[in-house]
């Protein structure tokens, strides 16, 4: 019996006869990890959201905000460690404290998001996101450099529901239920 790995598929053969094959979905499904930062202001819960950077999002508001998160490779990095790393990359601040693990969500495009909640207060004016490059304008041959997150805001639940990627609303609701 021989096992062949081709891309994301494993084939098990006996001579020329295929006995079994399986897809390795963990390699195919994109996964992200992030931190839902919240604070209590005079009895009102607020969440830290970031407006996605770059030219595609520059004129959008509804559905253009996100929790601080980023992709990771689950074969090589723990989701919780990735969430903390991504938070620091996107805000320029490390966070510490008692984290609450939330139930993962699946976004519209199929990406699975693992998240942890933390009560913590930071000043959005002091946050600086990491940079990325894309060809801009399209087909110009020129590279533009943009921040992954171009602005940060503390928002209450009603504001968040009008701004955040729709699938991420569930993460905020989980936080409200847990605290």
N, C-alpha and C. Protein backbone atom coordinates (compact mmCIF):
# COMPACT_ATOMS: atom_id res chain seq x y z
N UNK A 1 0.84 -1.16 0.00
CA UNK A 1 0.00 0.00 0.00
C UNK A 1 0.89 1.24 0.00
N UNK A 2 0.50 2.25 -0.80
CA UNK A 2 1.27 3.47 -0.92
C UNK A 2 0.37 4.67 -0.69
N UNK A 3 0.92 5.67 -0.01
CA UNK A 3 0.17 6.90 0.23
C UNK A 3 0.84 8.02 -0.55
N UNK A 4 0.04 8.76 -1.34
CA UNK A 4 0.54 9.89 -2.12
C UNK A 4 -0.14 11.16 -1.64
N UNK A 5 0.65 12.21 -1.50
CA UNK A 5 0.11 13.52 -1.15
C UNK A 5 0.21 14.40 -2.40
N UNK A 6 -0.92 14.90 -2.83
CA UNK A 6 -0.94 15.78 -3.99
C UNK A 6 -1.77 17.00 -3.62
N UNK A 7 -1.09 18.12 -3.40
CA UNK A 7 -1.80 19.31 -2.96
C UNK A 7 -2.46 19.05 -1.62
N UNK A 8 -3.76 19.24 -1.58
CA UNK A 8 -4.52 19.07 -0.34
C UNK A 8 -5.26 17.74 -0.31
N UNK A 9 -4.85 16.79 -1.14
CA UNK A 9 -5.53 15.50 -1.21
C UNK A 9 -4.53 14.38 -0.94
N UNK A 10 -4.97 13.42 -0.14
CA UNK A 10 -4.14 12.24 0.15
C UNK A 10 -4.78 11.05 -0.56
N UNK A 11 -3.98 10.33 -1.35
CA UNK A 11 -4.45 9.14 -2.06
C UNK A 11 -3.78 7.92 -1.43
N UNK A 12 -4.54 6.84 -1.20
CA UNK A 12 -3.99 5.59 -0.71
C UNK A 12 -4.24 4.55 -1.81
N UNK A 13 -3.16 3.95 -2.31
CA UNK A 13 -3.26 3.03 -3.44
C UNK A 13 -2.63 1.68 -3.10
N UNK A 14 -3.17 0.64 -3.72
CA UNK A 14 -2.59 -0.71 -3.68
C UNK A 14 -2.27 -1.04 -5.13
N UNK A 15 -1.01 -0.85 -5.48
CA UNK A 15 -0.65 -1.02 -6.88
C UNK A 15 -1.30 0.10 -7.68
N UNK A 16 -2.09 -0.28 -8.69
CA UNK A 16 -2.79 0.71 -9.50
C UNK A 16 -4.21 0.97 -9.01
N UNK A 17 -4.64 0.29 -7.98
CA UNK A 17 -6.00 0.41 -7.48
C UNK A 17 -6.08 1.49 -6.39
N UNK A 18 -6.96 2.47 -6.59
CA UNK A 18 -7.18 3.51 -5.60
C UNK A 18 -8.08 2.95 -4.51
N UNK A 19 -7.57 2.94 -3.28
CA UNK A 19 -8.34 2.42 -2.15
C UNK A 19 -9.09 3.51 -1.41
N UNK A 20 -8.49 4.69 -1.34
CA UNK A 20 -9.08 5.74 -0.52
C UNK A 20 -8.45 7.07 -0.88
N UNK A 21 -9.24 8.15 -0.76
CA UNK A 21 -8.66 9.49 -0.84
C UNK A 21 -9.42 10.39 0.11
N UNK A 22 -8.74 11.42 0.58
CA UNK A 22 -9.41 12.38 1.46
C UNK A 22 -8.81 13.76 1.26
N UNK A 23 -9.65 14.76 1.39
CA UNK A 23 -9.21 16.15 1.30
C UNK A 23 -8.78 16.60 2.69
N UNK A 24 -7.74 17.36 2.73
CA UNK A 24 -7.26 17.92 3.99
C UNK A 24 -7.79 19.35 4.10
N UNK A 25 -8.99 19.49 4.62
CA UNK A 25 -9.64 20.78 4.68
C UNK A 25 -8.93 21.78 5.56
N UNK A 26 -8.20 21.32 6.56
CA UNK A 26 -7.52 22.27 7.43
C UNK A 26 -6.54 23.13 6.65
N UNK A 27 -6.03 22.63 5.53
CA UNK A 27 -5.12 23.42 4.71
C UNK A 27 -5.89 24.34 3.77
N UNK A 28 -7.11 23.98 3.45
CA UNK A 28 -7.86 24.72 2.45
C UNK A 28 -8.67 25.86 3.06
N UNK A 29 -9.20 25.67 4.24
CA UNK A 29 -10.03 26.67 4.86
C UNK A 29 -9.16 27.74 5.51
N UNK A 30 -9.40 28.99 5.16
CA UNK A 30 -8.65 30.07 5.79
C UNK A 30 -9.15 30.26 7.21
N UNK A 31 -8.22 30.52 8.11
CA UNK A 31 -8.57 30.74 9.51
C UNK A 31 -7.89 32.01 10.00
N UNK A 32 -8.60 32.71 10.87
CA UNK A 32 -8.07 33.92 11.49
C UNK A 32 -8.28 33.81 12.99
N UNK A 33 -7.52 34.62 13.71
CA UNK A 33 -7.67 34.70 15.16
C UNK A 33 -7.61 36.16 15.55
N UNK A 34 -8.44 36.52 16.54
CA UNK A 34 -8.47 37.91 16.94
C UNK A 34 -8.92 38.11 18.37
N UNK A 35 -8.89 39.37 18.78
CA UNK A 35 -9.27 39.78 20.12
C UNK A 35 -10.44 40.76 20.02
N UNK A 36 -11.50 40.48 20.78
CA UNK A 36 -12.61 41.42 20.91
C UNK A 36 -12.33 42.22 22.17
N UNK A 37 -11.85 43.44 22.00
CA UNK A 37 -11.56 44.30 23.13
C UNK A 37 -12.83 45.07 23.49
N UNK A 38 -13.15 45.09 24.78
CA UNK A 38 -14.33 45.84 25.21
C UNK A 38 -14.00 46.61 26.48
N UNK A 39 -14.83 47.61 26.74
CA UNK A 39 -14.69 48.40 27.96
C UNK A 39 -16.09 48.80 28.44
N UNK A 40 -16.17 49.13 29.70
CA UNK A 40 -17.44 49.55 30.29
C UNK A 40 -17.33 51.04 30.61
N UNK A 41 -18.13 51.84 29.91
CA UNK A 41 -18.16 53.29 30.12
C UNK A 41 -19.50 53.68 30.71
N UNK A 42 -19.51 53.95 32.00
CA UNK A 42 -20.72 54.37 32.70
C UNK A 42 -21.87 53.39 32.47
N UNK A 43 -21.57 52.11 32.60
CA UNK A 43 -22.58 51.07 32.46
C UNK A 43 -22.90 50.68 31.03
N UNK A 44 -22.21 51.25 30.07
CA UNK A 44 -22.45 50.94 28.65
C UNK A 44 -21.22 50.24 28.07
N UNK A 45 -21.42 49.08 27.48
CA UNK A 45 -20.31 48.32 26.90
C UNK A 45 -19.95 48.90 25.52
N UNK A 46 -18.65 49.11 25.32
CA UNK A 46 -18.14 49.58 24.03
C UNK A 46 -17.10 48.59 23.52
N UNK A 47 -17.01 48.48 22.20
CA UNK A 47 -16.08 47.57 21.54
C UNK A 47 -15.10 48.36 20.70
N UNK A 48 -13.85 47.88 20.65
CA UNK A 48 -12.85 48.49 19.78
C UNK A 48 -12.95 47.87 18.40
N UNK A 49 -13.23 48.69 17.40
CA UNK A 49 -13.30 48.22 16.01
C UNK A 49 -12.33 49.02 15.15
N UNK A 50 -11.81 48.35 14.13
CA UNK A 50 -10.90 48.99 13.20
C UNK A 50 -11.51 49.06 11.82
N UNK A 51 -11.31 50.21 11.15
CA UNK A 51 -11.78 50.38 9.77
C UNK A 51 -10.69 49.82 8.85
N UNK A 52 -11.08 48.88 7.98
CA UNK A 52 -10.11 48.23 7.11
C UNK A 52 -9.48 49.25 6.16
N UNK A 53 -8.16 49.17 6.03
CA UNK A 53 -7.42 50.13 5.23
C UNK A 53 -7.32 49.75 3.77
N UNK A 54 -6.72 50.64 3.02
CA UNK A 54 -6.53 50.42 1.59
C UNK A 54 -7.59 51.11 0.76
N UNK A 55 -7.33 51.22 -0.52
CA UNK A 55 -8.23 51.98 -1.39
C UNK A 55 -9.62 51.36 -1.57
N UNK A 56 -9.74 50.04 -1.47
CA UNK A 56 -11.06 49.40 -1.64
C UNK A 56 -12.02 49.83 -0.55
N UNK A 57 -11.55 50.01 0.67
CA UNK A 57 -12.40 50.31 1.81
C UNK A 57 -12.50 51.80 2.12
N UNK A 58 -11.72 52.63 1.46
CA UNK A 58 -11.60 54.04 1.85
C UNK A 58 -12.92 54.80 1.86
N UNK A 59 -13.84 54.49 1.00
CA UNK A 59 -15.12 55.21 0.94
C UNK A 59 -16.29 54.40 1.51
N UNK A 60 -15.97 53.29 2.17
CA UNK A 60 -17.02 52.44 2.73
C UNK A 60 -17.04 52.56 4.25
N UNK A 61 -18.21 52.40 4.83
CA UNK A 61 -18.33 52.40 6.28
C UNK A 61 -19.07 51.14 6.75
N UNK A 62 -20.27 50.91 6.27
CA UNK A 62 -21.04 49.73 6.68
C UNK A 62 -20.35 48.46 6.17
N UNK A 63 -20.06 47.56 7.11
CA UNK A 63 -19.39 46.31 6.75
C UNK A 63 -17.90 46.45 6.50
N UNK A 64 -17.33 47.61 6.81
CA UNK A 64 -15.91 47.85 6.56
C UNK A 64 -15.09 47.90 7.85
N UNK A 65 -15.71 47.51 8.96
CA UNK A 65 -15.05 47.52 10.26
C UNK A 65 -14.91 46.10 10.77
N UNK A 66 -13.89 45.87 11.58
CA UNK A 66 -13.58 44.53 12.04
C UNK A 66 -12.95 44.57 13.43
N UNK A 67 -12.97 43.41 14.09
CA UNK A 67 -12.16 43.27 15.29
C UNK A 67 -10.71 43.13 14.83
N UNK A 68 -9.74 43.41 15.67
CA UNK A 68 -8.34 43.17 15.29
C UNK A 68 -8.11 41.66 15.18
N UNK A 69 -7.77 41.22 13.99
CA UNK A 69 -7.58 39.79 13.74
C UNK A 69 -6.69 39.60 12.52
N UNK A 70 -6.26 38.38 12.33
CA UNK A 70 -5.47 38.09 11.14
C UNK A 70 -5.34 36.60 10.94
N UNK A 71 -4.95 36.24 9.71
CA UNK A 71 -4.80 34.83 9.35
C UNK A 71 -3.59 34.22 10.05
N UNK A 72 -3.70 32.92 10.27
CA UNK A 72 -2.59 32.15 10.83
C UNK A 72 -2.64 30.75 10.26
N UNK A 73 -1.56 30.03 10.41
CA UNK A 73 -1.46 28.64 9.96
C UNK A 73 -1.63 27.73 11.18
N UNK A 74 -2.79 27.05 11.30
CA UNK A 74 -3.03 26.22 12.49
C UNK A 74 -2.06 25.05 12.62
N UNK A 75 -1.37 24.71 11.56
CA UNK A 75 -0.37 23.63 11.63
C UNK A 75 0.90 24.09 12.35
N UNK A 76 1.11 25.41 12.41
CA UNK A 76 2.36 25.93 12.97
C UNK A 76 2.20 26.95 14.08
N UNK A 77 0.96 27.36 14.38
CA UNK A 77 0.77 28.37 15.41
C UNK A 77 -0.54 28.13 16.14
N UNK A 78 -0.51 28.33 17.44
CA UNK A 78 -1.69 28.22 18.28
C UNK A 78 -2.61 29.42 18.01
N UNK A 79 -3.92 29.19 17.95
CA UNK A 79 -4.88 30.25 17.62
C UNK A 79 -4.82 31.40 18.63
N UNK A 80 -4.73 31.08 19.92
CA UNK A 80 -4.70 32.13 20.94
C UNK A 80 -3.44 32.98 20.81
N UNK A 81 -2.30 32.34 20.59
CA UNK A 81 -1.05 33.08 20.40
C UNK A 81 -1.12 33.94 19.14
N UNK A 82 -1.73 33.40 18.10
CA UNK A 82 -1.91 34.17 16.85
C UNK A 82 -2.79 35.38 17.09
N UNK A 83 -3.86 35.22 17.88
CA UNK A 83 -4.76 36.33 18.17
C UNK A 83 -4.01 37.47 18.87
N UNK A 84 -3.19 37.13 19.86
CA UNK A 84 -2.42 38.15 20.57
C UNK A 84 -1.39 38.80 19.65
N UNK A 85 -0.73 37.99 18.83
CA UNK A 85 0.26 38.53 17.89
C UNK A 85 -0.40 39.49 16.90
N UNK A 86 -1.53 39.05 16.32
CA UNK A 86 -2.23 39.89 15.35
C UNK A 86 -2.72 41.19 15.99
N UNK A 87 -3.20 41.11 17.23
CA UNK A 87 -3.65 42.32 17.91
C UNK A 87 -2.51 43.33 17.99
N UNK A 88 -1.36 42.86 18.41
CA UNK A 88 -0.22 43.77 18.54
C UNK A 88 0.23 44.31 17.19
N UNK A 89 0.22 43.47 16.15
CA UNK A 89 0.60 43.94 14.81
C UNK A 89 -0.35 45.02 14.31
N UNK A 90 -1.63 44.86 14.59
CA UNK A 90 -2.62 45.78 14.04
C UNK A 90 -2.85 47.02 14.89
N UNK A 91 -2.50 46.97 16.18
CA UNK A 91 -2.72 48.14 17.05
C UNK A 91 -1.42 48.76 17.54
N UNK A 92 -0.34 48.05 17.51
CA UNK A 92 0.98 48.41 18.04
C UNK A 92 1.03 48.31 19.57
N UNK A 93 0.02 47.64 20.16
CA UNK A 93 0.00 47.45 21.62
C UNK A 93 -0.20 45.98 21.97
N UNK A 94 0.61 45.46 22.92
CA UNK A 94 0.32 44.11 23.43
C UNK A 94 -0.81 44.21 24.46
N UNK A 95 -1.54 43.13 24.66
CA UNK A 95 -2.59 43.12 25.68
C UNK A 95 -2.39 41.93 26.60
N UNK A 96 -2.77 42.12 27.86
CA UNK A 96 -2.64 41.09 28.88
C UNK A 96 -3.89 41.13 29.73
N UNK A 97 -4.23 40.01 30.33
CA UNK A 97 -5.36 39.99 31.24
C UNK A 97 -6.08 38.66 31.20
N UNK A 98 -7.31 38.66 31.67
CA UNK A 98 -8.13 37.46 31.69
C UNK A 98 -8.99 37.40 30.43
N UNK A 99 -8.59 36.55 29.51
CA UNK A 99 -9.27 36.41 28.22
C UNK A 99 -10.43 35.43 28.34
N UNK A 100 -11.52 35.72 27.64
CA UNK A 100 -12.67 34.83 27.57
C UNK A 100 -12.72 34.23 26.16
N UNK A 101 -12.66 32.91 26.07
CA UNK A 101 -12.71 32.27 24.76
C UNK A 101 -14.14 32.32 24.21
N UNK A 102 -14.28 32.74 22.97
CA UNK A 102 -15.57 32.82 22.30
C UNK A 102 -15.73 31.66 21.33
N UNK A 103 -16.97 31.38 20.95
CA UNK A 103 -17.22 30.35 19.95
C UNK A 103 -16.78 30.86 18.58
N UNK A 104 -16.07 30.06 17.80
CA UNK A 104 -15.64 30.50 16.47
C UNK A 104 -16.84 30.82 15.58
N UNK A 105 -16.62 31.69 14.62
CA UNK A 105 -17.65 32.03 13.65
C UNK A 105 -17.14 31.73 12.25
N UNK A 106 -18.05 31.65 11.31
CA UNK A 106 -17.69 31.47 9.91
C UNK A 106 -18.17 32.70 9.15
N UNK A 107 -17.23 33.38 8.49
CA UNK A 107 -17.58 34.57 7.72
C UNK A 107 -18.13 34.17 6.36
N UNK A 108 -18.70 35.14 5.67
CA UNK A 108 -19.36 34.92 4.38
C UNK A 108 -18.50 34.15 3.37
N UNK A 109 -17.23 34.47 3.28
CA UNK A 109 -16.33 33.82 2.34
C UNK A 109 -15.83 32.45 2.79
N UNK A 110 -16.27 31.99 3.97
CA UNK A 110 -15.87 30.68 4.45
C UNK A 110 -14.77 30.70 5.50
N UNK A 111 -14.16 31.84 5.72
CA UNK A 111 -13.08 31.93 6.71
C UNK A 111 -13.64 31.69 8.11
N UNK A 112 -12.93 30.87 8.89
CA UNK A 112 -13.27 30.61 10.28
C UNK A 112 -12.48 31.60 11.14
N UNK A 113 -13.18 32.26 12.07
CA UNK A 113 -12.53 33.23 12.96
C UNK A 113 -12.63 32.74 14.40
N UNK A 114 -11.47 32.55 15.03
CA UNK A 114 -11.37 32.21 16.45
C UNK A 114 -11.12 33.52 17.19
N UNK A 115 -11.81 33.72 18.31
CA UNK A 115 -11.64 35.00 19.01
C UNK A 115 -11.72 34.83 20.52
N UNK A 116 -11.09 35.77 21.20
CA UNK A 116 -11.10 35.86 22.65
C UNK A 116 -11.49 37.28 23.02
N UNK A 117 -12.25 37.42 24.08
CA UNK A 117 -12.67 38.75 24.55
C UNK A 117 -11.79 39.16 25.72
N UNK A 118 -11.57 40.46 25.83
CA UNK A 118 -10.76 41.00 26.92
C UNK A 118 -11.26 42.39 27.26
N UNK A 119 -11.50 42.62 28.55
CA UNK A 119 -11.84 43.97 29.00
C UNK A 119 -10.52 44.73 29.19
N UNK A 120 -10.39 45.81 28.42
CA UNK A 120 -9.11 46.53 28.39
C UNK A 120 -9.39 47.88 27.74
N UNK A 121 -8.67 48.92 28.13
CA UNK A 121 -8.90 50.23 27.54
C UNK A 121 -7.62 50.74 26.90
N UNK A 122 -7.73 51.16 25.66
CA UNK A 122 -6.60 51.74 24.93
C UNK A 122 -7.09 53.01 24.24
N UNK A 123 -6.15 53.91 23.95
CA UNK A 123 -6.46 55.14 23.24
C UNK A 123 -6.30 54.91 21.74
N UNK A 124 -7.40 54.93 20.97
CA UNK A 124 -7.30 54.70 19.52
C UNK A 124 -6.36 55.66 18.80
N UNK A 125 -6.21 56.87 19.30
CA UNK A 125 -5.35 57.85 18.65
C UNK A 125 -3.88 57.44 18.67
N UNK A 126 -3.52 56.55 19.59
CA UNK A 126 -2.11 56.12 19.71
C UNK A 126 -1.82 54.83 18.94
N UNK A 127 -2.84 54.24 18.33
CA UNK A 127 -2.66 52.95 17.64
C UNK A 127 -2.13 53.15 16.23
N UNK A 128 -1.22 52.28 15.83
CA UNK A 128 -0.65 52.30 14.48
C UNK A 128 -0.63 50.88 13.93
N UNK A 129 -1.35 50.67 12.86
CA UNK A 129 -1.43 49.35 12.24
C UNK A 129 -0.22 49.08 11.35
N UNK A 130 -0.01 47.81 11.09
CA UNK A 130 1.04 47.43 10.16
C UNK A 130 0.64 47.81 8.73
N UNK A 131 1.59 47.73 7.81
CA UNK A 131 1.40 48.16 6.43
C UNK A 131 1.32 46.97 5.48
N UNK A 132 0.67 47.20 4.31
CA UNK A 132 0.69 46.21 3.24
C UNK A 132 0.83 46.96 1.92
N UNK A 133 1.27 46.22 0.89
CA UNK A 133 1.44 46.81 -0.44
C UNK A 133 0.53 46.12 -1.44
N UNK A 134 -0.05 46.91 -2.33
CA UNK A 134 -0.80 46.37 -3.48
C UNK A 134 -0.54 47.27 -4.68
N UNK A 135 -0.79 46.73 -5.84
CA UNK A 135 -0.68 47.53 -7.05
C UNK A 135 -1.83 48.54 -7.05
N UNK A 136 -1.47 49.84 -7.07
CA UNK A 136 -2.50 50.88 -7.06
C UNK A 136 -2.01 52.11 -7.81
N UNK A 137 -2.78 52.64 -8.69
CA UNK A 137 -4.07 52.14 -9.19
C UNK A 137 -3.91 50.80 -9.91
N UNK A 138 -5.04 50.07 -10.04
CA UNK A 138 -4.98 48.75 -10.70
C UNK A 138 -4.35 48.84 -12.09
N UNK A 139 -3.56 47.84 -12.41
CA UNK A 139 -2.88 47.69 -13.70
C UNK A 139 -1.95 48.87 -14.04
N UNK A 140 -1.50 49.58 -13.00
CA UNK A 140 -0.61 50.73 -13.22
C UNK A 140 0.86 50.33 -13.15
N UNK A 141 1.12 49.17 -12.54
CA UNK A 141 2.49 48.75 -12.33
C UNK A 141 3.14 49.44 -11.12
N UNK A 142 2.38 50.29 -10.43
CA UNK A 142 2.90 51.01 -9.27
C UNK A 142 2.37 50.37 -7.99
N UNK A 143 3.25 50.27 -6.98
CA UNK A 143 2.84 49.73 -5.69
C UNK A 143 2.47 50.85 -4.75
N UNK A 144 1.34 50.69 -4.09
CA UNK A 144 0.92 51.63 -3.06
C UNK A 144 1.06 50.95 -1.70
N UNK A 145 1.41 51.72 -0.68
CA UNK A 145 1.53 51.20 0.67
C UNK A 145 0.39 51.76 1.52
N UNK A 146 -0.31 50.88 2.22
CA UNK A 146 -1.48 51.25 3.00
C UNK A 146 -1.44 50.57 4.36
N UNK A 147 -2.12 51.15 5.33
CA UNK A 147 -2.28 50.53 6.64
C UNK A 147 -3.37 49.47 6.56
N UNK A 148 -3.17 48.33 7.26
CA UNK A 148 -4.21 47.30 7.30
C UNK A 148 -5.48 47.84 7.94
N UNK A 149 -5.31 48.63 8.99
CA UNK A 149 -6.42 49.31 9.66
C UNK A 149 -6.08 50.80 9.63
N UNK A 150 -6.98 51.60 9.03
CA UNK A 150 -6.64 53.02 8.90
C UNK A 150 -7.20 53.90 10.02
N UNK A 151 -8.16 53.39 10.81
CA UNK A 151 -8.62 54.13 11.99
C UNK A 151 -9.30 53.18 12.96
N UNK A 152 -9.27 53.57 14.22
CA UNK A 152 -9.84 52.79 15.32
C UNK A 152 -10.88 53.62 16.02
N UNK A 153 -11.94 52.95 16.51
CA UNK A 153 -12.97 53.65 17.28
C UNK A 153 -13.56 52.72 18.33
N UNK A 154 -13.95 53.30 19.46
CA UNK A 154 -14.77 52.61 20.44
C UNK A 154 -16.22 52.87 20.06
N UNK A 155 -17.01 51.81 19.94
CA UNK A 155 -18.42 51.94 19.55
C UNK A 155 -19.29 51.08 20.45
N UNK A 156 -20.53 51.51 20.66
CA UNK A 156 -21.47 50.68 21.42
C UNK A 156 -22.07 49.63 20.49
N UNK A 157 -22.90 48.75 21.02
CA UNK A 157 -23.43 47.64 20.23
C UNK A 157 -24.27 48.13 19.04
N UNK A 158 -25.09 49.14 19.25
CA UNK A 158 -25.92 49.65 18.14
C UNK A 158 -25.05 50.18 17.01
N UNK A 159 -24.00 50.93 17.34
CA UNK A 159 -23.09 51.45 16.32
C UNK A 159 -22.33 50.30 15.65
N UNK A 160 -21.90 49.35 16.46
CA UNK A 160 -21.13 48.21 15.92
C UNK A 160 -21.93 47.44 14.89
N UNK A 161 -23.21 47.23 15.16
CA UNK A 161 -24.05 46.48 14.22
C UNK A 161 -24.17 47.17 12.86
N UNK A 162 -23.98 48.48 12.83
CA UNK A 162 -24.04 49.23 11.58
C UNK A 162 -22.69 49.33 10.88
N UNK A 163 -21.63 48.92 11.55
CA UNK A 163 -20.30 49.08 10.98
C UNK A 163 -19.58 47.76 10.68
N UNK A 164 -19.67 46.80 11.60
CA UNK A 164 -18.83 45.61 11.56
C UNK A 164 -19.26 44.63 10.45
N UNK A 165 -18.33 43.81 10.02
CA UNK A 165 -18.64 42.70 9.11
C UNK A 165 -19.76 41.90 9.77
N UNK A 166 -20.82 41.62 9.04
CA UNK A 166 -22.04 41.05 9.65
C UNK A 166 -21.79 39.77 10.46
N UNK A 167 -20.94 38.88 10.00
CA UNK A 167 -20.70 37.63 10.74
C UNK A 167 -20.06 37.88 12.10
N UNK A 168 -19.35 38.99 12.24
CA UNK A 168 -18.66 39.27 13.50
C UNK A 168 -19.59 39.81 14.58
N UNK A 169 -20.81 40.18 14.23
CA UNK A 169 -21.78 40.64 15.23
C UNK A 169 -21.96 39.56 16.30
N UNK A 170 -21.96 38.30 15.87
CA UNK A 170 -22.11 37.18 16.80
C UNK A 170 -21.03 37.19 17.88
N UNK A 171 -19.82 37.58 17.55
CA UNK A 171 -18.74 37.64 18.54
C UNK A 171 -19.06 38.67 19.61
N UNK A 172 -19.57 39.82 19.19
CA UNK A 172 -19.90 40.88 20.14
C UNK A 172 -21.08 40.45 21.02
N UNK A 173 -22.04 39.79 20.42
CA UNK A 173 -23.19 39.29 21.19
C UNK A 173 -22.75 38.28 22.23
N UNK A 174 -21.79 37.43 21.88
CA UNK A 174 -21.27 36.46 22.84
C UNK A 174 -20.65 37.16 24.05
N UNK A 175 -19.93 38.25 23.77
CA UNK A 175 -19.31 39.00 24.86
C UNK A 175 -20.38 39.54 25.80
N UNK A 176 -21.41 40.15 25.25
CA UNK A 176 -22.51 40.71 26.06
C UNK A 176 -23.13 39.62 26.93
N UNK A 177 -23.32 38.43 26.37
CA UNK A 177 -23.91 37.31 27.12
C UNK A 177 -23.00 36.83 28.24
N UNK A 178 -21.68 36.91 28.05
CA UNK A 178 -20.73 36.35 29.01
C UNK A 178 -20.43 37.29 30.18
N UNK A 179 -20.57 38.58 29.98
CA UNK A 179 -20.18 39.51 31.04
C UNK A 179 -21.36 39.95 31.89
